[in-house]
Amino acid sequence: METTYYDHGTQAERWERARMFFDAKDYAAAARVLDGLVEEEPEQTAPRLLLARAYYHSAQLRRAEAELRVIVERDPVEHYARLMLGRTLQRQGRQEEAEPHLRIASALAGDFDQI
């Protein structure tokens, strides 16, 4: 198997590389690095959440939705994943599906005016 720039180095080095790509708004490159990290450590929430955000910002909404659903299934009170899932569904024109996630995210954040 050939190692590319995106999967070269330790997990910590690749995490930093992914964050640098994300911060530079190169979401597709960040997703390439993060995809490998998530594959290696599927139970880790942080890389999966950043992968979902990279997908969201690069308009890969179905992929973002899939990653966010994994997080919410594992941790139903993960506030930011709920919020992102709601926004991802909204962006796909699926407002009715988005509403419960947005309400739960508001409740988890203590913003009871939005409920």
Protein backbone atom coordinates (compact mmCIF):
# COMPACT_ATOMS: atom_id res chain seq x y z
CA MET A 1 0.00 0.00 0.00
CA GLU A 2 1.35 3.40 -0.96
CA THR A 3 1.41 6.08 1.72
CA THR A 4 0.26 9.52 0.65
CA TYR A 5 0.75 12.88 2.29
CA TYR A 6 -2.72 12.60 3.77
CA ASP A 7 -2.06 9.37 5.67
CA HIS A 8 1.63 9.84 6.47
CA GLY A 9 2.76 10.16 10.08
CA THR A 10 1.42 9.34 13.49
CA GLN A 11 -2.20 9.81 14.43
CA ALA A 12 -1.28 12.95 16.36
CA GLU A 13 0.58 14.39 13.35
CA ARG A 14 -2.33 13.60 11.04
CA TRP A 15 -4.79 15.15 13.51
CA GLU A 16 -2.75 18.36 13.52
CA ARG A 17 -2.49 18.27 9.71
CA ALA A 18 -6.26 17.84 9.42
CA ARG A 19 -6.87 20.75 11.78
CA MET A 20 -4.47 22.93 9.78
CA PHE A 21 -6.31 22.09 6.55
CA PHE A 22 -9.65 22.76 8.24
CA ASP A 23 -8.47 26.09 9.69
CA ALA A 24 -7.19 27.05 6.23
CA LYS A 25 -10.68 26.23 4.87
CA ASP A 26 -9.33 23.40 2.72
CA TYR A 27 -12.18 21.16 3.82
CA ALA A 28 -11.69 18.50 1.15
CA ALA A 29 -8.05 17.96 2.22
CA ALA A 30 -9.07 17.92 5.89
CA ALA A 31 -11.67 15.27 5.08
CA ARG A 32 -9.08 13.10 3.30
CA VAL A 33 -6.89 13.07 6.41
CA LEU A 34 -9.77 12.67 8.84
CA ASP A 35 -11.34 9.82 6.90
CA GLY A 36 -8.28 7.71 7.62
CA LEU A 37 -8.24 8.69 11.28
CA VAL A 38 -11.91 7.81 11.71
CA GLU A 39 -11.36 4.49 9.98
CA GLU A 40 -8.51 3.67 12.38
CA GLU A 41 -10.29 4.87 15.54
CA PRO A 42 -14.03 4.71 14.83
CA GLU A 43 -15.02 5.17 18.48
CA GLN A 44 -13.31 8.57 18.75
CA THR A 45 -15.80 11.46 18.61
CA ALA A 46 -13.50 14.42 17.89
CA PRO A 47 -12.11 13.23 14.53
CA ARG A 48 -15.56 12.08 13.39
CA LEU A 49 -17.13 15.41 14.36
CA LEU A 50 -14.42 17.38 12.55
CA LEU A 51 -14.87 15.08 9.54
CA ALA A 52 -18.61 15.83 9.57
CA ARG A 53 -17.85 19.55 9.74
CA ALA A 54 -15.41 19.26 6.82
CA TYR A 55 -18.05 17.43 4.80
CA TYR A 56 -20.66 20.06 5.72
CA HIS A 57 -18.44 22.97 4.68
CA SER A 58 -17.51 21.24 1.41
CA ALA A 59 -21.20 20.62 0.64
CA GLN A 60 -20.92 16.84 1.03
CA LEU A 61 -24.12 16.90 3.04
CA ARG A 62 -25.05 13.21 2.83
CA ARG A 63 -21.62 12.25 4.15
CA ALA A 64 -21.87 14.86 6.91
CA GLU A 65 -25.28 13.51 7.85
CA ALA A 66 -23.99 9.93 8.02
CA GLU A 67 -21.10 10.86 10.33
CA LEU A 68 -23.34 12.98 12.56
CA ARG A 69 -25.91 10.20 12.86
CA VAL A 70 -23.18 7.82 14.09
CA ILE A 71 -22.18 10.34 16.79
CA VAL A 72 -25.77 11.04 17.88
CA GLU A 73 -26.57 7.33 17.98
CA ARG A 74 -23.60 6.70 20.27
CA ASP A 75 -24.05 9.83 22.37
CA PRO A 76 -27.59 11.25 22.18
CA VAL A 77 -26.66 14.26 24.33
CA GLU A 78 -23.73 15.39 22.14
CA HIS A 79 -25.00 18.97 21.72
CA TYR A 80 -22.89 20.13 18.79
CA ALA A 81 -23.51 16.96 16.76
CA ARG A 82 -27.26 17.45 17.26
CA LEU A 83 -27.00 21.07 16.14
CA MET A 84 -24.89 20.15 13.10
CA LEU A 85 -27.25 17.31 12.17
CA GLY A 86 -30.19 19.71 12.30
CA ARG A 87 -28.39 22.28 10.17
CA THR A 88 -27.24 19.61 7.71
CA LEU A 89 -30.80 18.39 7.28
CA GLN A 90 -32.03 21.99 6.87
CA ARG A 91 -29.46 22.61 4.18
CA GLN A 92 -30.80 19.58 2.32
CA GLY A 93 -34.31 21.04 2.48
CA ARG A 94 -35.43 18.54 5.13
CA GLN A 95 -36.75 21.03 7.69
CA GLU A 96 -39.26 18.67 9.29
CA GLU A 97 -36.52 16.11 10.02
CA ALA A 98 -34.22 18.87 11.29
CA GLU A 99 -36.62 20.31 13.89
CA PRO A 100 -36.33 17.61 16.58
CA HIS A 101 -32.52 17.73 16.45
CA LEU A 102 -32.47 21.52 16.65
CA ARG A 103 -34.90 21.50 19.61
CA ILE A 104 -32.81 18.90 21.45
CA ALA A 105 -29.63 20.89 20.76
CA SER A 106 -31.29 24.03 22.15
CA ALA A 107 -32.43 22.18 25.27
CA LEU A 108 -28.97 20.68 25.81
CA ALA A 109 -27.46 24.17 25.47
CA GLY A 110 -29.95 25.53 28.03
CA ASP A 111 -31.66 27.74 25.43
CA PHE A 112 -35.23 26.95 26.36
CA ASP A 113 -36.64 29.91 24.39
CA GLN A 114 -36.04 27.95 21.16
CA ILE A 115 -38.00 24.90 22.29
